[in-house]
């Protein structure tokens, strides 16, 4: 028979163990080393350059085919507003989405309250992973998976104005129908958090951390998937050929975007909720801080070369 002291000790240790289990279950910790690139858009003084705060020096350049870009109040700090008539986007200078077995892309988006007739890109890389809003008020995540028997993408199997995939050997799509027949953000010009997620089994979109319709990728006709694709094109934000690299096919975003990041893992919904509540900086980004205005000595050439 156990003495009362022994019983008390065992009970106390057991309660501590249960407490630790529940504490670990309730906290979503994101490993900062899984961040491929992270853009906060707060460097308003460094005109024309978008800083990557991941520590990987994947800095971007703001393309300005039709005029200036505007910094506006974002969900966390500043954001960039894109006017599709100006044909602006952010070119990250390299293909960041190649050969990913898992991925997550996150962004806060404040879509202009207007109807749109063209596909509008959020972020992506043509012929690899493409993430966009279609004219049918649908958030579309499209990828071109590869396998041991299908090691590179063939030519397009669908017209350039066809957002869906007509051949599962060429591309797969996960769709999230946004609410309303002619979707505008809930309050007409309000921030919405979007995430695109893929792992070895499924690919899906989320909206405000709510699980969207998923596309199974573990039983494709090309065999077991080795990656979500690869292409020669640069990764871009807000257009300039995410959906289609052909000239004259517009995919420019109309609206504001904030807190954009790429991860090389599939984040959980708890992780997404953490990013929504606390922002990207909460995970401990490894990028070096830039000196405040008046002391800014960083040039685009230095950033591009990793200086």
Protein backbone atom coordinates (compact mmCIF):
# COMPACT_ATOMS: atom_id res chain seq x y z
CA UNK A 1 0.00 0.00 0.00
CA UNK A 2 1.33 3.45 -1.04
CA UNK A 3 1.83 5.99 1.70
CA UNK A 4 -0.07 9.29 1.39
CA UNK A 5 3.23 11.08 0.70
CA UNK A 6 4.07 8.73 -2.15
CA UNK A 7 0.58 9.06 -3.62
CA UNK A 8 0.80 12.85 -3.39
CA UNK A 9 4.20 12.87 -5.11
CA UNK A 10 3.06 10.67 -7.98
CA UNK A 11 -0.12 12.69 -8.45
CA UNK A 12 1.84 15.96 -8.48
CA UNK A 13 4.31 14.64 -11.07
CA UNK A 14 1.44 13.37 -13.20
CA UNK A 15 -0.30 16.74 -13.15
CA UNK A 16 2.92 18.47 -14.18
CA UNK A 17 3.28 16.09 -17.12
CA UNK A 18 -0.31 16.64 -18.28
CA UNK A 19 0.19 20.39 -17.96
CA UNK A 20 3.30 20.27 -20.12
CA UNK A 21 1.51 18.21 -22.77
CA UNK A 22 -1.36 20.68 -23.01
CA UNK A 23 1.01 23.62 -23.03
CA UNK A 24 2.87 22.16 -26.00
CA UNK A 25 -0.38 21.35 -27.77
CA UNK A 26 -1.62 24.89 -27.39
CA UNK A 27 1.43 26.72 -28.75
CA UNK A 28 2.21 26.93 -32.45
CA UNK A 29 5.91 27.58 -32.94
CA UNK A 30 7.20 28.23 -36.45
CA UNK A 31 10.84 27.48 -37.16
CA UNK A 32 12.33 30.67 -38.71
CA UNK A 33 14.78 28.54 -40.71
CA UNK A 34 11.83 27.31 -42.82
CA UNK A 35 11.22 30.83 -44.15
CA UNK A 36 12.39 31.13 -47.77
CA UNK A 37 11.50 34.82 -48.00
CA UNK A 38 9.50 37.32 -45.94
CA UNK A 39 8.37 40.80 -46.95
CA UNK A 40 7.00 43.30 -44.44
CA UNK A 41 6.90 46.33 -46.81
CA UNK A 42 7.94 48.73 -44.05
CA UNK A 43 11.09 50.01 -45.76
CA UNK A 44 9.35 53.01 -47.34
CA UNK A 45 12.56 55.06 -47.45
CA UNK A 46 14.38 52.55 -49.69
CA UNK A 47 12.38 53.37 -52.79
CA UNK A 48 12.19 50.66 -55.42
CA UNK A 49 13.54 47.85 -53.21
CA UNK A 50 11.54 45.35 -51.16
CA UNK A 51 13.56 43.87 -48.31
CA UNK A 52 13.54 40.14 -47.58
CA UNK A 53 13.67 39.79 -43.78
CA UNK A 54 14.28 36.01 -43.80
CA UNK A 55 18.05 36.43 -43.87
CA UNK A 56 18.25 34.73 -47.29
CA UNK A 57 18.79 37.97 -49.25
CA UNK A 58 15.86 37.31 -51.58
CA UNK A 59 15.23 41.02 -51.95
CA UNK A 60 12.81 42.20 -54.63
CA UNK A 61 12.64 45.06 -57.05
CA UNK A 62 9.46 47.01 -57.70
CA UNK A 63 8.72 47.07 -61.41
CA UNK A 64 7.13 50.30 -62.54
CA UNK A 65 5.98 50.03 -66.09
CA UNK A 66 3.22 52.55 -65.64
CA UNK A 67 4.06 54.81 -62.69
CA UNK A 68 4.77 54.94 -58.98
CA UNK A 69 3.60 52.62 -56.24
CA UNK A 70 1.91 53.80 -53.06
CA UNK A 71 2.67 52.83 -49.47
CA UNK A 72 -0.47 52.66 -47.35
CA UNK A 73 -1.38 51.57 -43.83
CA UNK A 74 -1.21 47.81 -43.70
CA UNK A 75 -2.29 45.07 -41.35
CA UNK A 76 1.10 45.31 -39.60
CA UNK A 77 2.93 48.55 -40.31
CA UNK A 78 2.95 49.60 -43.95
CA UNK A 79 1.68 47.83 -47.06
CA UNK A 80 1.99 48.38 -50.79
CA UNK A 81 -1.01 49.34 -52.89
CA UNK A 82 -1.04 48.25 -56.52
CA UNK A 83 -3.04 49.96 -59.23
CA UNK A 84 -3.46 47.50 -62.13
CA UNK A 85 -3.54 50.38 -64.63
CA UNK A 86 0.05 51.21 -63.67
CA UNK A 87 1.13 47.63 -64.36
CA UNK A 88 3.33 47.39 -61.30
CA UNK A 89 4.56 44.27 -59.54
CA UNK A 90 7.46 43.02 -57.40
CA UNK A 91 10.07 40.89 -59.17
CA UNK A 92 12.05 38.77 -56.70
CA UNK A 93 14.81 38.19 -59.24
CA UNK A 94 15.02 34.42 -59.05
CA UNK A 95 12.82 31.29 -59.00
CA UNK A 96 12.14 30.80 -55.30
CA UNK A 97 9.43 28.15 -55.72
CA UNK A 98 11.44 25.47 -57.51
CA UNK A 99 11.61 21.87 -56.29
CA UNK A 100 9.53 22.30 -53.13
CA UNK A 101 8.14 19.09 -51.67
CA UNK A 102 6.10 21.19 -49.24
CA UNK A 103 5.27 24.87 -49.19
CA UNK A 104 3.20 27.60 -47.63
CA UNK A 105 2.62 31.08 -49.04
CA UNK A 106 0.87 33.65 -46.85
CA UNK A 107 -0.34 37.19 -47.52
CA UNK A 108 -2.71 39.81 -46.18
CA UNK A 109 -4.71 41.16 -49.12
CA UNK A 110 -7.00 44.18 -49.30
CA UNK A 111 -8.62 43.90 -52.71
CA UNK A 112 -9.95 47.08 -54.24
CA UNK A 113 -13.74 47.11 -54.09
CA UNK A 114 -14.36 46.78 -57.80
CA UNK A 115 -15.33 44.13 -60.26
CA UNK A 116 -12.44 42.70 -62.25
CA UNK A 117 -12.46 41.06 -65.64
CA UNK A 118 -8.92 39.66 -65.65
CA UNK A 119 -7.08 37.18 -63.47
CA UNK A 120 -5.19 39.03 -60.71
CA UNK A 121 -2.06 37.44 -59.29
CA UNK A 122 -1.22 37.44 -55.60
CA UNK A 123 2.12 35.68 -55.81
CA UNK A 124 3.74 32.86 -57.68
CA UNK A 125 6.08 31.60 -60.34
CA UNK A 126 4.85 30.86 -63.84
CA UNK A 127 4.81 27.15 -64.69
CA UNK A 128 5.58 26.15 -61.08
CA UNK A 129 3.26 27.42 -58.32
CA UNK A 130 0.77 30.12 -59.27
CA UNK A 131 -1.62 31.81 -56.82
CA UNK A 132 -4.27 34.17 -58.10
CA UNK A 133 -7.79 35.56 -58.01
CA UNK A 134 -9.79 34.62 -61.08
CA UNK A 135 -12.54 36.61 -62.73
CA UNK A 136 -15.03 34.16 -61.24
CA UNK A 137 -14.43 35.41 -57.69
CA UNK A 138 -12.36 32.34 -56.94
CA UNK A 139 -9.03 32.04 -55.17
CA UNK A 140 -6.99 29.63 -57.27
CA UNK A 141 -3.82 27.77 -56.35
CA UNK A 142 -2.28 26.02 -59.33
CA UNK A 143 0.85 23.87 -59.47
CA UNK A 144 2.71 21.76 -62.00
CA UNK A 145 3.90 18.74 -59.99
CA UNK A 146 6.79 16.54 -61.06
CA UNK A 147 7.54 12.86 -60.45
CA UNK A 148 10.21 10.30 -61.28
CA UNK A 149 8.42 9.53 -64.54
CA UNK A 150 7.41 13.13 -65.25
CA UNK A 151 10.57 15.13 -64.56
CA UNK A 152 9.70 18.31 -66.42
CA UNK A 153 6.62 20.18 -67.50
CA UNK A 154 5.54 19.87 -71.12
CA UNK A 155 3.89 22.64 -73.12
CA UNK A 156 0.59 24.22 -72.14
CA UNK A 157 -2.38 21.90 -72.45
CA UNK A 158 -4.90 24.68 -72.00
CA UNK A 159 -5.52 28.09 -73.57
CA UNK A 160 -3.85 31.00 -71.81
CA UNK A 161 -7.25 32.38 -70.78
CA UNK A 162 -8.30 29.06 -69.24
CA UNK A 163 -7.64 29.27 -65.51
CA UNK A 164 -8.36 25.62 -64.75
CA UNK A 165 -6.34 22.51 -65.58
CA UNK A 166 -7.56 20.34 -68.43
CA UNK A 167 -4.80 17.73 -68.06
CA UNK A 168 -3.84 16.34 -64.65
CA UNK A 169 -0.50 15.36 -66.18
CA UNK A 170 0.30 19.04 -66.58
CA UNK A 171 -1.22 20.89 -63.65
CA UNK A 172 -3.47 20.60 -60.62
CA UNK A 173 -5.73 23.26 -59.15
CA UNK A 174 -7.17 23.84 -55.69
CA UNK A 175 -10.04 26.29 -55.69
CA UNK A 176 -11.61 28.33 -52.92
CA UNK A 177 -14.85 30.01 -53.91
CA UNK A 178 -15.04 33.36 -52.16
CA UNK A 179 -18.44 34.30 -50.69
CA UNK A 180 -20.95 36.26 -52.72
CA UNK A 181 -21.85 36.17 -56.43
CA UNK A 182 -19.55 39.14 -57.18
CA UNK A 183 -17.10 38.92 -54.34
CA UNK A 184 -15.82 42.05 -52.69
CA UNK A 185 -14.06 41.95 -49.30
CA UNK A 186 -16.56 41.86 -46.44
CA UNK A 187 -16.61 45.59 -45.78
CA UNK A 188 -15.53 46.61 -49.28
CA UNK A 189 -11.85 47.26 -48.84
CA UNK A 190 -10.99 45.26 -45.71
CA UNK A 191 -8.00 43.05 -45.02
CA UNK A 192 -8.31 39.29 -45.56
CA UNK A 193 -5.61 36.75 -44.71
CA UNK A 194 -4.94 34.17 -47.40
CA UNK A 195 -2.69 31.12 -47.37
CA UNK A 196 -1.69 28.55 -50.00
CA UNK A 197 -0.46 25.25 -48.56
CA UNK A 198 0.89 22.04 -50.08
CA UNK A 199 2.38 18.84 -48.69
CA UNK A 200 2.86 15.27 -49.88
CA UNK A 201 -0.85 14.49 -49.57
CA UNK A 202 -2.93 17.61 -50.20
CA UNK A 203 -2.89 21.13 -51.60
CA UNK A 204 -5.31 23.79 -50.34
CA UNK A 205 -6.18 27.45 -49.88
CA UNK A 206 -7.26 29.03 -46.62
CA UNK A 207 -9.09 32.27 -45.98
CA UNK A 208 -8.73 33.83 -42.51
CA UNK A 209 -7.30 30.48 -41.33
CA UNK A 210 -10.46 28.59 -42.34
CA UNK A 211 -9.75 25.32 -44.12
CA UNK A 212 -10.64 25.46 -47.80
CA UNK A 213 -11.45 22.73 -50.29
CA UNK A 214 -8.40 20.50 -50.68
CA UNK A 215 -6.92 18.81 -53.73
CA UNK A 216 -5.36 15.39 -53.17
CA UNK A 217 -1.91 15.09 -54.72
CA UNK A 218 -0.79 11.66 -53.46
CA UNK A 219 -2.60 9.71 -56.19
CA UNK A 220 -1.71 11.59 -59.36
CA UNK A 221 -1.55 9.80 -62.70
CA UNK A 222 2.13 10.80 -63.05
CA UNK A 223 3.00 8.68 -60.02
CA UNK A 224 4.31 9.74 -56.60
CA UNK A 225 5.04 13.46 -56.61
CA UNK A 226 8.67 14.49 -56.11
CA UNK A 227 8.00 18.25 -56.01
CA UNK A 228 5.43 20.90 -56.81
CA UNK A 229 7.32 21.84 -59.95
CA UNK A 230 10.16 23.99 -61.26
CA UNK A 231 10.54 26.60 -63.98
CA UNK A 232 12.98 29.19 -65.30
CA UNK A 233 10.76 32.14 -64.38
CA UNK A 234 11.29 34.53 -61.48
CA UNK A 235 8.91 34.47 -58.53
CA UNK A 236 6.77 37.61 -58.48
CA UNK A 237 4.24 39.39 -56.32
CA UNK A 238 1.10 41.06 -57.72
CA UNK A 239 1.51 40.12 -61.37
CA UNK A 240 3.92 40.65 -64.28
CA UNK A 241 3.51 37.13 -65.59
CA UNK A 242 2.61 34.90 -62.64
CA UNK A 243 -0.40 33.50 -64.50
CA UNK A 244 0.98 33.80 -68.02
CA UNK A 245 4.34 34.95 -69.30
CA UNK A 246 2.93 36.00 -72.66
CA UNK A 247 2.91 39.73 -73.34
CA UNK A 248 -0.50 41.29 -73.42
CA UNK A 249 -2.03 38.88 -70.89
CA UNK A 250 -2.61 41.06 -67.79
CA UNK A 251 -2.55 39.60 -64.29
CA UNK A 252 -1.88 42.75 -62.24
CA UNK A 253 -3.37 42.94 -58.76
CA UNK A 254 -5.71 45.78 -57.90
CA UNK A 255 -5.41 46.34 -54.17
CA UNK A 256 -3.01 46.33 -51.25
CA UNK A 257 -0.80 43.52 -49.98
CA UNK A 258 1.08 43.05 -46.70
CA UNK A 259 3.09 40.44 -44.77
CA UNK A 260 3.95 38.13 -47.67
CA UNK A 261 6.10 35.07 -46.96
CA UNK A 262 7.16 31.76 -48.47
CA UNK A 263 7.90 28.72 -46.28
CA UNK A 264 9.44 25.43 -47.40
CA UNK A 265 7.10 23.47 -45.13
CA UNK A 266 3.33 23.06 -44.94
CA UNK A 267 2.19 25.12 -41.97
CA UNK A 268 -0.71 23.99 -39.79
CA UNK A 269 -3.87 26.00 -39.31
CA UNK A 270 -2.63 26.86 -35.81
CA UNK A 271 0.52 28.26 -37.39
CA UNK A 272 -1.57 30.34 -39.77
CA UNK A 273 -3.65 31.66 -36.87
CA UNK A 274 -0.44 32.65 -35.07
CA UNK A 275 0.74 34.61 -38.11
CA UNK A 276 -2.64 36.29 -38.39
CA UNK A 277 -2.66 37.36 -34.76
CA UNK A 278 1.00 38.23 -34.22
CA UNK A 279 2.51 38.94 -37.64
CA UNK A 280 5.62 37.59 -39.35
CA UNK A 281 8.02 39.29 -36.96
CA UNK A 282 6.69 37.14 -34.11
CA UNK A 283 8.50 34.05 -35.43
CA UNK A 284 11.93 35.68 -35.14
CA UNK A 285 12.93 36.53 -38.70
CA UNK A 286 16.65 36.19 -39.23
CA UNK A 287 17.17 39.22 -41.50
CA UNK A 288 19.43 41.98 -40.28
CA UNK A 289 17.70 45.27 -39.39
CA UNK A 290 18.25 48.25 -41.66
CA UNK A 291 19.33 51.57 -40.23
CA UNK A 292 16.58 54.17 -39.82
CA UNK A 293 15.89 57.01 -42.23
CA UNK A 294 18.80 59.42 -42.50
CA UNK A 295 21.33 56.63 -42.05
CA UNK A 296 20.20 54.37 -44.87
CA UNK A 297 23.29 53.40 -46.82
CA UNK A 298 21.93 50.24 -48.41
CA UNK A 299 21.69 50.28 -52.20
CA UNK A 300 19.88 47.93 -54.53
CA UNK A 301 23.20 46.68 -55.88
CA UNK A 302 24.44 45.84 -52.38
CA UNK A 303 21.23 44.02 -51.49
CA UNK A 304 21.19 42.12 -54.77
CA UNK A 305 24.77 40.94 -54.13
CA UNK A 306 24.04 40.00 -50.53
CA UNK A 307 25.86 42.98 -49.06
